[in-house]
Protein backbone atom coordinates (compact mmCIF):
# COMPACT_ATOMS: atom_id res chain seq x y z
CA MET A 1 -51.22 4.45 -48.13
CA VAL A 2 -48.27 2.14 -47.44
CA TYR A 3 -45.64 1.30 -50.07
CA GLU A 4 -43.28 -1.70 -49.91
CA ASP A 5 -39.83 -1.73 -51.51
CA LEU A 6 -39.81 -3.98 -54.58
CA ARG A 7 -36.00 -4.17 -54.34
CA TYR A 8 -35.62 -3.05 -57.98
CA SER A 9 -33.92 0.09 -59.18
CA TYR A 10 -33.24 1.72 -62.52
CA ASP A 11 -29.95 3.58 -63.10
CA GLU A 12 -30.62 6.31 -65.68
CA ASN A 13 -26.95 6.91 -66.40
CA GLN A 14 -26.10 3.27 -67.11
CA ASP A 15 -29.59 2.42 -68.42
CA THR A 16 -29.71 -0.71 -66.24
CA ILE A 17 -32.28 -2.34 -63.98
CA LYS A 18 -30.96 -3.98 -60.85
CA TYR A 19 -32.53 -6.35 -58.34
CA HIS A 20 -31.12 -5.66 -54.85
CA LYS A 21 -30.86 -9.22 -53.61
CA ASP A 22 -27.58 -9.05 -51.74
CA SER A 23 -26.58 -5.39 -51.56
CA PRO A 24 -25.29 -4.50 -48.08
CA SER A 25 -27.93 -1.82 -47.49
CA LYS A 26 -30.83 -3.99 -48.64
CA ALA A 27 -29.78 -7.54 -47.70
CA ASN A 28 -32.44 -9.34 -45.67
CA SER A 29 -34.43 -6.16 -45.05
CA LYS A 30 -37.82 -4.77 -45.99
CA THR A 31 -38.54 -1.08 -46.39
CA TYR A 32 -41.90 0.69 -46.35
CA TYR A 33 -43.05 4.30 -46.78
CA ARG A 34 -46.22 5.76 -45.29
CA PHE A 35 -47.54 9.14 -46.49
CA TYR A 36 -50.01 11.24 -44.49
CA SER A 37 -52.37 13.80 -46.04
CA THR A 38 -50.69 16.53 -43.97
CA GLY A 39 -47.42 16.03 -45.88
CA THR A 40 -45.48 14.03 -43.32
CA VAL A 41 -43.77 10.82 -44.45
CA TYR A 42 -42.42 7.94 -42.41
CA GLY A 43 -39.97 5.30 -43.59
CA PHE A 44 -39.87 1.93 -41.87
CA ILE A 45 -36.93 -0.43 -42.29
CA TYR A 46 -37.15 -3.95 -40.93
CA LYS A 47 -33.82 -5.80 -40.94
CA ASP A 48 -35.38 -9.24 -41.33
CA GLN A 49 -37.34 -10.05 -44.49
CA ASP A 50 -39.36 -12.57 -42.48
CA THR A 51 -40.69 -9.89 -40.12
CA VAL A 52 -44.42 -10.38 -39.67
CA LEU A 53 -46.23 -7.07 -40.02
CA ASN A 54 -48.78 -5.99 -37.41
CA LYS A 55 -50.40 -2.82 -36.07
CA ASP A 56 -47.18 -1.69 -34.39
CA SER A 57 -45.24 -2.01 -37.67
CA PHE A 58 -46.48 1.38 -38.91
CA ASN A 59 -46.38 3.27 -35.63
CA PRO A 60 -44.56 6.52 -36.50
CA LEU A 61 -42.44 6.11 -33.36
CA ASN A 62 -40.83 3.11 -35.10
CA GLY A 63 -40.12 4.94 -38.34
CA GLY A 64 -37.85 7.59 -39.77
CA PHE A 65 -39.52 11.00 -40.09
CA GLY A 66 -39.77 13.08 -43.24
CA PHE A 67 -42.02 15.64 -44.87
CA VAL A 68 -43.08 16.75 -48.33
CA MET A 69 -41.32 20.08 -48.78
CA ASP A 70 -42.41 20.85 -52.34
CA HIS A 71 -45.80 19.53 -53.42
CA LYS A 72 -45.48 20.84 -57.00
CA LYS A 73 -42.15 19.10 -57.65
CA ASN A 74 -42.81 16.12 -55.34
CA ILE A 75 -39.74 16.61 -53.16
CA ILE A 76 -39.44 15.13 -49.69
CA MET A 77 -36.89 15.65 -46.94
CA ASP A 78 -36.47 12.51 -44.91
CA TYR A 79 -34.26 11.53 -42.04
CA SER A 80 -31.63 8.88 -42.54
CA THR A 81 -29.15 7.33 -40.13
CA ILE A 82 -26.59 7.10 -42.96
CA ASN A 83 -23.45 9.22 -42.43
CA CYS A 84 -24.22 9.72 -38.72
CA GLY A 85 -27.78 10.88 -39.38
CA GLY A 86 -29.35 13.83 -41.11
CA PHE A 87 -31.98 14.85 -43.62
CA SER A 88 -31.68 14.18 -47.32
CA LYS A 89 -33.71 15.62 -50.18
CA THR A 90 -35.36 13.11 -52.51
CA GLY A 91 -37.72 13.42 -55.44
CA PHE A 92 -40.62 11.02 -55.82
CA GLU A 93 -43.37 10.17 -58.24
CA ILE A 94 -46.54 8.15 -57.83
CA ARG A 95 -47.86 6.24 -60.84
CA ASN A 96 -51.04 4.29 -60.16
CA ASP A 97 -50.04 1.96 -57.27
CA THR A 98 -46.27 2.47 -57.65
CA LEU A 99 -44.09 4.89 -55.72
CA ILE A 100 -40.80 5.83 -57.42
CA MET A 101 -38.09 7.35 -55.20
CA LYS A 102 -35.54 9.35 -57.22
CA HIS A 103 -32.04 9.53 -55.74
CA GLY A 104 -29.14 11.39 -57.36
CA SER A 105 -28.58 14.61 -59.24
CA GLY A 106 -31.12 14.28 -62.05
CA GLY A 107 -30.03 15.93 -65.29
CA GLU A 108 -26.78 17.14 -63.72
CA GLY A 109 -25.16 13.70 -63.59
CA TRP A 110 -26.81 10.50 -62.48
CA ARG A 111 -30.05 9.38 -60.91
CA VAL A 112 -31.25 6.01 -59.62
CA LEU A 113 -34.95 5.27 -59.33
CA TYR A 114 -36.17 2.86 -56.62
CA TYR A 115 -39.59 1.23 -56.95
CA TYR A 116 -42.20 0.60 -54.25
CA LYS A 117 -45.61 -1.06 -54.61
CA ALA A 118 -48.74 -0.08 -52.68
CA VAL A 119 -49.73 -2.72 -50.16
CA GLU A 120 -53.05 -3.05 -48.42
CA VAL A 121 -52.97 -3.36 -44.68
CA PRO A 122 -55.88 -3.35 -42.23
CA LYS A 123 -57.12 0.19 -41.61
CA GLU A 124 -56.61 -0.15 -37.86
CA TRP A 125 -52.87 -0.63 -38.47
CA LEU A 126 -52.76 2.95 -39.76
CA ASP A 127 -54.73 4.60 -36.94
CA TYR A 128 -51.83 6.70 -35.69
CA PRO A 129 -51.67 10.50 -35.69
CA ASP A 130 -49.00 11.97 -37.94
CA ASP A 131 -47.59 14.35 -35.34
CA ILE A 132 -45.90 12.06 -32.82
CA HIS A 133 -42.39 12.59 -34.14
């Protein structure tokens, strides 16, 4: 399954919904997540919103690597280039065809929820093994 960033977030602390039209980290980009049944996760960020997707778009070699580290609590560790690179722990939830990525400290302070929608792509675009990281 592939999920595309809807560019909307919900800030639990401020009780606000925000569309990320011009934020520096989201401006003119598209972000996708791909989950494998083995628990690995790849994030794909394309800097140009007009990027035309193709088979190579979801090649794990072009994405950031992560893995589900707690299946009961839906926690992933994924690699980010932010702050000179490293892994960050993120909660997630899947409701029907929507992926919700939960960033922040939860009940200890603040949390922002980012929303992604399942997108259908040709099956052959996903014919990559999940162990080429």
